[in-house]
Amino acid sequence: MFTHRLVFPASVLRGRGAIKHLGAMCGRLGQRAMLVGGQRAIASVEAKVADQLEQQMVSYLGSEIFGGVCCQEEINRLADVFRTQGVEVIIATGGGKALDTAKAAGVACNIPVVTLPSIAGTCSAVTSLAFRYHQDGEFRDMMPLPCGPAAAVIDADLLATAPLEWLSAGIGDTLAKWYEYRAISDLSQLTGLAGVARTNSELCYTLIEHFAADACFAVQDGKANNALEQVLDAIFLYAGLTSIMSNGAHTGASHALYEGFTACPKTRHIAHGLLVGYGNLCLLALENRSDEELLTAIALARASAVPTQLAHIATDLTEQDLAVIIDRSLSTPDMANMPGDITFEDVRRGIERVEVLGAKINYFFAHAVQTGIKVKVVGVGPHRPETR
């Protein structure tokens, strides 16, 4: 008999100023805490983390810089550091790769992990999954973990100060919850859990549709607003619940193309959610959705600073590069989740169709800006986000 195991985070604190409860949360879990994350992420939160721990008389053991890639070697290295330092509570900050590495290392040491995302790029802060890569950054696998974070602290004020491309990445990844789940689910076979996952994924789309543009403006201003809080709930809570309810089996062509992009040195450094966001548009093309629906999706992506053309990802991609990306995507389990057989020619035609329609949307936005027409639009171009 198959047992479906659902692994939730033990506690989630969300909203503006949520970090003010970090110390009390850590104090209930242990007395020796270490902060782990990218260099910039640590710099952005360390003073507040140290102050919170001091208020609760929890020993702060200092910080450990994350190596940049969630690979097994880095997981093992961090686990050794935690054991050597006698860490009792791990505070993980940064983006998905940093959080995933800390979660996996915490599991290896049986040490509770509190996630404190400094960017809103994925739902990693709440899930019991780790996206593992090879040391060179190429995608390896999605590793299930036996337990989730002991707590997730989602502070809207902190996340409002991060660079815009990270929120855009979170929007792209969150939209995939709806686009992909809709593409791979059979409406006639939905069980209760599948129905909950589908409802959550649709809610993700609805919140992004209504609030993404204003949330992006909030990040550009560096000040949280209601729209940003709604989008953060979609990215972390509702997208996270979709992942939890489906045990990670909710992915399709969008994530397959992301994994393909990691096979190309020119694109593997681009944020997960930005590549997934572009993959969403190709997924719609693979489904033979109408031009009207594709244009609507491209406009939503464009208004959220998600790439809508290959030039927004990298300006020097060759046909050989694209062949590598497509071939790698076709070999992934995520592409195998798609109904029917997907061929190289299918994917290439889908990309070409997105390029043509994306050009129309980009022309519209550029013309609107030049003529003073009021539209909600933020900038998009070749993305070079820094590791956090």
Foldseek 3Di string as FASTA:
>chain_A
DDDQDFAWAQEEAAEAPLLLCVQVLVLVQDQEEEEEFAPVFCVLCVVSNVVSVVVSNRHYPYYDHQPQFLAVVSLVVVLVVCVVSVHQEYEFEEDQRRLLSVLSSCLVNVHAYEYEYLELQAQNRIAQWHFHAPPLLQTDGIHGHPHTHNYYRHHQLSHLQDDLVRLLNLLLRLLQLALQQVQQDDPVPDDPLSVLLNVLSVLLVVLLQVQQLVLSVSSVVSHGDPSVSSNSCSRHPSSRSSCSSVVNLRFAQLQLLLSLQCQFPQFSQRRSSLSSSCSSLLSCVLVVHDLVVSLVSLLSSQLSQRDQAVQLAPVDDDPVSVVSSLVSSQPDVRHVSGPDHDDSVSSVVSNVVSNVSNVVSVVVVVVCVVVVPDDRGDDTGHDDDDGD
